[in-house]
Amino acid sequence: MRKIILPLLFISLSCTKETGCVEITRKEKTGNNFLFFWNEQNHRNNTVLDEYGAIPSGAVTEEIYNQYKIGDTYCVD
C-alpha cells in the first residue's frame, strides 16, 4: 500500500496549474474568438511557429479582451 501512495503523492504534487504573465504583442478578434498573442518580439515574422507548432496565443473573454491593450501585461491565475 505504501508503494502505491508515495508515487501518487509525488504525481499530485507535481501537477500544478500553470500561471504566469505575458506582454500582449497582438490582439485579434475572429468571429466570437478573442485572442492575445505574445512573445512575438523574438520573431521578425508573425508566421514563425513556437516549439510546439503554434504561435504563442491564448483565448480570452470579450470582457477581458476589451480591458487590455497591446503592450499591456496579462497574467493568468
N, C-alpha and C. Protein backbone atom coordinates (compact mmCIF):
# COMPACT_ATOMS: atom_id res chain seq x y z
N MET A 1 0.82 -1.20 0.00
CA MET A 1 0.00 0.00 0.00
C MET A 1 0.87 1.26 0.00
N ARG A 2 1.94 1.21 0.76
CA ARG A 2 2.84 2.36 0.85
C ARG A 2 3.50 2.64 -0.50
N LYS A 3 3.77 1.58 -1.26
CA LYS A 3 4.40 1.74 -2.57
C LYS A 3 3.47 2.45 -3.56
N ILE A 4 2.19 2.35 -3.36
CA ILE A 4 1.22 3.00 -4.24
C ILE A 4 1.00 4.45 -3.83
N ILE A 5 0.92 4.71 -2.55
CA ILE A 5 0.63 6.06 -2.06
C ILE A 5 1.75 7.04 -2.37
N LEU A 6 2.98 6.63 -2.20
CA LEU A 6 4.11 7.53 -2.43
C LEU A 6 4.17 8.04 -3.87
N PRO A 7 4.07 7.18 -4.90
CA PRO A 7 4.06 7.70 -6.27
C PRO A 7 2.85 8.61 -6.56
N LEU A 8 1.69 8.25 -6.03
CA LEU A 8 0.51 9.09 -6.25
C LEU A 8 0.68 10.46 -5.61
N LEU A 9 1.27 10.51 -4.44
CA LEU A 9 1.53 11.78 -3.77
C LEU A 9 2.50 12.62 -4.59
N PHE A 10 3.54 12.00 -5.10
CA PHE A 10 4.53 12.71 -5.92
C PHE A 10 3.88 13.28 -7.18
N ILE A 11 3.07 12.49 -7.84
CA ILE A 11 2.41 12.93 -9.07
C ILE A 11 1.45 14.08 -8.78
N SER A 12 0.67 13.97 -7.72
CA SER A 12 -0.30 15.03 -7.43
C SER A 12 0.39 16.34 -7.05
N LEU A 13 1.54 16.28 -6.40
CA LEU A 13 2.27 17.49 -6.05
C LEU A 13 2.98 18.08 -7.26
N SER A 14 3.31 17.26 -8.23
CA SER A 14 4.00 17.73 -9.43
C SER A 14 3.06 18.41 -10.41
N CYS A 15 1.79 18.08 -10.36
CA CYS A 15 0.82 18.64 -11.30
C CYS A 15 0.22 19.90 -10.71
N THR A 16 0.71 21.02 -11.16
CA THR A 16 0.17 22.29 -10.69
C THR A 16 -0.33 23.08 -11.89
N LYS A 17 -1.28 23.94 -11.64
CA LYS A 17 -1.81 24.78 -12.70
C LYS A 17 -0.76 25.80 -13.10
N GLU A 18 -0.59 25.98 -14.41
CA GLU A 18 0.41 26.92 -14.91
C GLU A 18 -0.08 28.35 -14.73
N THR A 19 0.78 29.19 -14.19
CA THR A 19 0.48 30.60 -14.04
C THR A 19 1.62 31.39 -14.62
N GLY A 20 1.37 32.61 -14.93
CA GLY A 20 2.43 33.46 -15.45
C GLY A 20 1.87 34.70 -16.09
N CYS A 21 2.77 35.58 -16.46
CA CYS A 21 2.39 36.84 -17.09
C CYS A 21 3.07 36.96 -18.44
N VAL A 22 2.37 37.56 -19.38
CA VAL A 22 2.91 37.77 -20.72
C VAL A 22 2.63 39.20 -21.14
N GLU A 23 3.47 39.71 -22.04
CA GLU A 23 3.21 41.02 -22.63
C GLU A 23 2.45 40.81 -23.93
N ILE A 24 1.32 41.45 -24.06
CA ILE A 24 0.48 41.30 -25.25
C ILE A 24 1.15 42.02 -26.41
N THR A 25 1.44 41.28 -27.46
CA THR A 25 2.09 41.87 -28.64
C THR A 25 1.12 42.04 -29.81
N ARG A 26 -0.03 41.36 -29.72
CA ARG A 26 -1.03 41.47 -30.78
C ARG A 26 -2.37 41.01 -30.23
N LYS A 27 -3.44 41.62 -30.69
CA LYS A 27 -4.80 41.21 -30.34
C LYS A 27 -5.53 40.92 -31.64
N GLU A 28 -6.39 39.90 -31.59
CA GLU A 28 -7.14 39.54 -32.79
C GLU A 28 -8.52 39.05 -32.41
N LYS A 29 -9.52 39.56 -33.09
CA LYS A 29 -10.90 39.11 -32.90
C LYS A 29 -11.32 38.40 -34.18
N THR A 30 -11.70 37.13 -34.04
CA THR A 30 -12.14 36.35 -35.19
C THR A 30 -13.49 35.73 -34.83
N GLY A 31 -14.55 36.27 -35.37
CA GLY A 31 -15.88 35.78 -35.01
C GLY A 31 -16.14 36.01 -33.54
N ASN A 32 -16.39 34.93 -32.81
CA ASN A 32 -16.61 35.01 -31.36
C ASN A 32 -15.36 34.68 -30.56
N ASN A 33 -14.21 34.61 -31.22
CA ASN A 33 -12.95 34.31 -30.54
C ASN A 33 -12.15 35.59 -30.33
N PHE A 34 -11.64 35.75 -29.12
CA PHE A 34 -10.84 36.91 -28.76
C PHE A 34 -9.47 36.41 -28.32
N LEU A 35 -8.43 36.75 -29.08
CA LEU A 35 -7.10 36.18 -28.86
C LEU A 35 -6.08 37.24 -28.47
N PHE A 36 -5.19 36.86 -27.55
CA PHE A 36 -3.99 37.63 -27.24
C PHE A 36 -2.81 36.84 -27.77
N PHE A 37 -1.83 37.53 -28.34
CA PHE A 37 -0.59 36.91 -28.80
C PHE A 37 0.55 37.51 -28.00
N TRP A 38 1.60 36.72 -27.77
CA TRP A 38 2.75 37.19 -27.01
C TRP A 38 4.03 36.55 -27.51
N ASN A 39 5.15 37.02 -27.01
CA ASN A 39 6.49 36.50 -27.34
C ASN A 39 6.84 36.64 -28.81
N GLU A 40 6.10 37.42 -29.55
CA GLU A 40 6.40 37.58 -30.97
C GLU A 40 7.55 38.55 -31.19
N GLN A 41 7.95 39.29 -30.15
CA GLN A 41 9.07 40.20 -30.30
C GLN A 41 10.36 39.43 -30.58
N ASN A 42 10.37 38.14 -30.29
CA ASN A 42 11.53 37.30 -30.58
C ASN A 42 11.59 36.91 -32.05
N HIS A 43 10.50 37.16 -32.77
CA HIS A 43 10.41 36.77 -34.18
C HIS A 43 10.14 37.99 -35.03
N ARG A 44 10.78 38.09 -36.16
CA ARG A 44 10.53 39.21 -37.08
C ARG A 44 9.30 38.93 -37.94
N ASN A 45 8.96 37.66 -38.08
CA ASN A 45 7.85 37.25 -38.94
C ASN A 45 6.76 36.65 -38.06
N ASN A 46 5.54 37.19 -38.11
CA ASN A 46 4.45 36.71 -37.27
C ASN A 46 4.02 35.28 -37.58
N THR A 47 4.50 34.71 -38.68
CA THR A 47 4.11 33.34 -39.01
C THR A 47 5.07 32.32 -38.43
N VAL A 48 6.11 32.77 -37.72
CA VAL A 48 7.06 31.84 -37.11
C VAL A 48 6.35 31.07 -36.01
N LEU A 49 6.55 29.78 -35.99
CA LEU A 49 5.89 28.92 -35.02
C LEU A 49 6.78 28.66 -33.82
N ASP A 50 6.15 28.39 -32.68
CA ASP A 50 6.93 28.04 -31.49
C ASP A 50 7.34 26.58 -31.56
N GLU A 51 7.96 26.08 -30.49
CA GLU A 51 8.47 24.70 -30.49
C GLU A 51 7.37 23.66 -30.60
N TYR A 52 6.11 24.02 -30.33
CA TYR A 52 5.01 23.07 -30.39
C TYR A 52 4.21 23.19 -31.68
N GLY A 53 4.64 24.09 -32.59
CA GLY A 53 3.97 24.23 -33.87
C GLY A 53 2.86 25.26 -33.90
N ALA A 54 2.85 26.19 -32.93
CA ALA A 54 1.81 27.22 -32.91
C ALA A 54 2.40 28.55 -32.46
N ILE A 55 1.82 29.63 -32.94
CA ILE A 55 2.22 30.95 -32.48
C ILE A 55 1.69 31.10 -31.06
N PRO A 56 2.51 31.55 -30.10
CA PRO A 56 2.05 31.68 -28.72
C PRO A 56 0.85 32.62 -28.62
N SER A 57 -0.29 32.06 -28.19
CA SER A 57 -1.51 32.85 -28.08
C SER A 57 -2.44 32.23 -27.06
N GLY A 58 -3.47 32.97 -26.70
CA GLY A 58 -4.46 32.46 -25.78
C GLY A 58 -5.79 33.13 -26.00
N ALA A 59 -6.87 32.38 -25.83
CA ALA A 59 -8.21 32.91 -25.98
C ALA A 59 -8.69 33.47 -24.64
N VAL A 60 -9.37 34.60 -24.71
CA VAL A 60 -9.92 35.23 -23.51
C VAL A 60 -11.37 35.62 -23.80
N THR A 61 -12.07 36.05 -22.76
CA THR A 61 -13.43 36.51 -22.95
C THR A 61 -13.42 37.90 -23.59
N GLU A 62 -14.55 38.30 -24.13
CA GLU A 62 -14.65 39.63 -24.75
C GLU A 62 -14.40 40.72 -23.71
N GLU A 63 -14.89 40.51 -22.50
CA GLU A 63 -14.69 41.50 -21.43
C GLU A 63 -13.20 41.70 -21.14
N ILE A 64 -12.46 40.62 -21.00
CA ILE A 64 -11.02 40.72 -20.74
C ILE A 64 -10.32 41.31 -21.95
N TYR A 65 -10.70 40.89 -23.14
CA TYR A 65 -10.11 41.40 -24.38
C TYR A 65 -10.20 42.92 -24.44
N ASN A 66 -11.34 43.46 -24.05
CA ASN A 66 -11.55 44.90 -24.11
C ASN A 66 -10.83 45.66 -23.00
N GLN A 67 -10.40 44.98 -21.95
CA GLN A 67 -9.71 45.63 -20.83
C GLN A 67 -8.23 45.86 -21.09
N TYR A 68 -7.65 45.17 -22.07
CA TYR A 68 -6.21 45.22 -22.29
C TYR A 68 -5.87 45.80 -23.66
N LYS A 69 -4.71 46.45 -23.73
CA LYS A 69 -4.19 47.00 -24.98
C LYS A 69 -2.89 46.28 -25.32
N ILE A 70 -2.45 46.42 -26.56
CA ILE A 70 -1.15 45.88 -26.96
C ILE A 70 -0.08 46.58 -26.11
N GLY A 71 0.83 45.79 -25.58
CA GLY A 71 1.88 46.31 -24.70
C GLY A 71 1.57 46.12 -23.23
N ASP A 72 0.30 45.84 -22.90
CA ASP A 72 -0.07 45.57 -21.51
C ASP A 72 0.42 44.19 -21.09
N THR A 73 0.56 44.01 -19.79
CA THR A 73 0.92 42.71 -19.24
C THR A 73 -0.35 42.00 -18.80
N TYR A 74 -0.53 40.76 -19.26
CA TYR A 74 -1.69 39.95 -18.90
C TYR A 74 -1.20 38.76 -18.09
N CYS A 75 -1.79 38.57 -16.91
CA CYS A 75 -1.39 37.47 -16.02
C CYS A 75 -2.50 36.44 -15.94
N VAL A 76 -2.10 35.18 -15.99
CA VAL A 76 -3.01 34.05 -15.87
C VAL A 76 -2.91 33.54 -14.44
N ASP A 77 -4.05 33.36 -13.80
CA ASP A 77 -4.06 32.86 -12.41
C ASP A 77 -3.87 31.37 -12.38
